[in-house]
Amino acid sequence: LVAGFDPRAGLGRLFQFDVTGGRYEERDYAAIGSGGLHASTVVKLRHHDGIEADEAIDVAIEAIFQAADEDIATGGPDIVRGIYPVVALITADGFERLDDDDVAARTGSLLERLRGAS
């Protein structure tokens, strides 16, 4: 995946590439890899026009978590070892990586929500 912000168009751009060199511009979201189908299903169900950054971050973390739960080749959050996925925002102001403490707290909140739902 390649993502960025196009200042001339005033919007984010998202491209997906395949092994043959094909380039595909995606509209709202994309997921790649062996767990991509599972991750994109979570995003598809939770994405909506006007989604705010905080909610989008939580959706991304849940998508990775659910994909890792369904696909053994997908690495998700590892709370025991304190290993978390890299999560970042790309806006008109640039690239901003969330720190691991923030991702850890959001992952903990996700787990509490999922435990309460079962």
Protein backbone atom coordinates (compact mmCIF):
# COMPACT_ATOMS: atom_id res chain seq x y z
CA LEU A 1 0.00 0.00 0.00
CA VAL A 2 1.09 3.54 -0.69
CA ALA A 3 -0.89 6.32 0.94
CA GLY A 4 -0.45 10.07 0.95
CA PHE A 5 -2.16 13.42 0.78
CA ASP A 6 -2.60 15.23 -2.54
CA PRO A 7 -2.55 18.97 -1.74
CA ARG A 8 -3.72 19.96 -5.23
CA ALA A 9 -6.82 17.79 -4.98
CA GLY A 10 -7.19 18.37 -1.24
CA LEU A 11 -7.69 14.68 -0.49
CA GLY A 12 -5.95 11.51 0.51
CA ARG A 13 -4.78 9.07 -2.15
CA LEU A 14 -4.43 5.34 -1.66
CA PHE A 15 -2.81 2.88 -4.06
CA GLN A 16 -2.54 -0.89 -3.94
CA PHE A 17 0.03 -2.82 -5.97
CA ASP A 18 0.10 -6.49 -6.96
CA VAL A 19 2.99 -8.84 -7.69
CA THR A 20 2.69 -8.30 -11.45
CA GLY A 21 3.21 -4.55 -11.09
CA GLY A 22 -0.44 -3.64 -11.37
CA ARG A 23 -1.40 -0.39 -9.66
CA TYR A 24 -4.90 0.19 -8.37
CA GLU A 25 -6.18 3.37 -6.80
CA GLU A 26 -8.57 2.60 -3.96
CA ARG A 27 -11.33 4.92 -2.90
CA ASP A 28 -11.90 4.80 0.85
CA TYR A 29 -9.78 1.99 2.28
CA ALA A 30 -7.65 -1.02 1.39
CA ALA A 31 -6.10 -4.05 3.06
CA ILE A 32 -3.38 -6.33 1.74
CA GLY A 33 -1.71 -9.56 2.76
CA SER A 34 -3.03 -12.96 3.73
CA GLY A 35 -5.39 -11.46 6.32
CA GLY A 36 -6.49 -8.66 4.00
CA LEU A 37 -9.93 -10.14 3.37
CA HIS A 38 -10.68 -10.34 7.09
CA ALA A 39 -9.30 -6.86 7.77
CA SER A 40 -11.18 -5.25 4.89
CA THR A 41 -14.43 -6.85 6.07
CA VAL A 42 -14.08 -5.14 9.46
CA VAL A 43 -13.28 -1.83 7.80
CA LYS A 44 -16.16 -2.18 5.32
CA LEU A 45 -18.63 -2.74 8.16
CA ARG A 46 -17.39 0.18 10.27
CA HIS A 47 -16.30 2.77 7.70
CA HIS A 48 -18.60 5.70 6.94
CA ASP A 49 -18.36 9.08 5.26
CA GLY A 50 -17.00 11.69 7.61
CA ILE A 51 -15.27 9.19 9.91
CA GLU A 52 -13.09 11.06 12.39
CA ALA A 53 -9.42 10.22 12.89
CA ASP A 54 -9.89 8.70 16.37
CA GLU A 55 -12.60 6.34 15.16
CA ALA A 56 -10.61 5.43 12.03
CA ILE A 57 -7.62 4.51 14.21
CA ASP A 58 -9.79 2.25 16.36
CA VAL A 59 -11.27 0.62 13.25
CA ALA A 60 -7.77 -0.04 11.87
CA ILE A 61 -6.63 -1.64 15.13
CA GLU A 62 -9.75 -3.82 15.25
CA ALA A 63 -9.24 -4.82 11.61
CA ILE A 64 -5.69 -5.99 12.32
CA PHE A 65 -6.79 -7.75 15.51
CA GLN A 66 -9.63 -9.63 13.79
CA ALA A 67 -7.47 -10.51 10.78
CA ALA A 68 -4.78 -11.95 13.08
CA ASP A 69 -7.44 -13.95 14.92
CA GLU A 70 -8.59 -15.57 11.66
CA ASP A 71 -5.29 -15.87 9.77
CA ILE A 72 -2.21 -17.45 11.33
CA ALA A 73 0.12 -15.55 8.97
CA THR A 74 -1.16 -12.15 10.11
CA GLY A 75 0.62 -10.61 13.07
CA GLY A 76 -1.69 -8.71 15.37
CA PRO A 77 -1.19 -7.00 18.70
CA ASP A 78 0.81 -9.10 21.19
CA ILE A 79 -0.19 -7.75 24.58
CA VAL A 80 1.94 -10.23 26.53
CA ARG A 81 5.16 -9.11 24.81
CA GLY A 82 4.08 -5.48 24.33
CA ILE A 83 4.32 -5.68 20.55
CA TYR A 84 1.82 -3.58 18.61
CA PRO A 85 1.25 -2.79 14.94
CA VAL A 86 2.52 0.48 13.54
CA VAL A 87 -0.46 2.82 13.27
CA ALA A 88 -0.16 6.21 11.58
CA LEU A 89 -2.28 9.05 10.28
CA ILE A 90 -1.60 10.83 7.02
CA THR A 91 -3.19 14.27 6.77
CA ALA A 92 -2.54 17.54 4.99
CA ASP A 93 -0.02 18.22 7.78
CA GLY A 94 1.96 15.05 7.05
CA PHE A 95 2.67 11.63 8.54
CA GLU A 96 2.06 11.08 12.24
CA ARG A 97 2.90 7.76 13.86
CA LEU A 98 0.98 6.92 17.02
CA ASP A 99 3.17 5.88 19.91
CA ASP A 100 2.99 2.32 21.20
CA ASP A 101 1.41 3.44 24.49
CA ASP A 102 -1.55 4.92 22.59
CA VAL A 103 -1.94 1.79 20.43
CA ALA A 104 -1.67 -0.38 23.57
CA ALA A 105 -4.40 1.59 25.34
CA ARG A 106 -6.67 1.43 22.30
CA THR A 107 -6.04 -2.31 21.97
CA GLY A 108 -6.93 -2.78 25.64
CA SER A 109 -10.18 -0.87 25.13
CA LEU A 110 -10.96 -3.04 22.10
CA LEU A 111 -10.41 -6.22 24.11
CA GLU A 112 -12.67 -4.96 26.90
CA ARG A 113 -15.39 -4.15 24.36
CA LEU A 114 -15.07 -7.55 22.68
CA ARG A 115 -15.16 -9.39 26.01
CA GLY A 116 -18.30 -7.48 26.98
CA ALA A 117 -19.96 -8.43 23.69
CA SER A 118 -19.53 -12.17 24.21
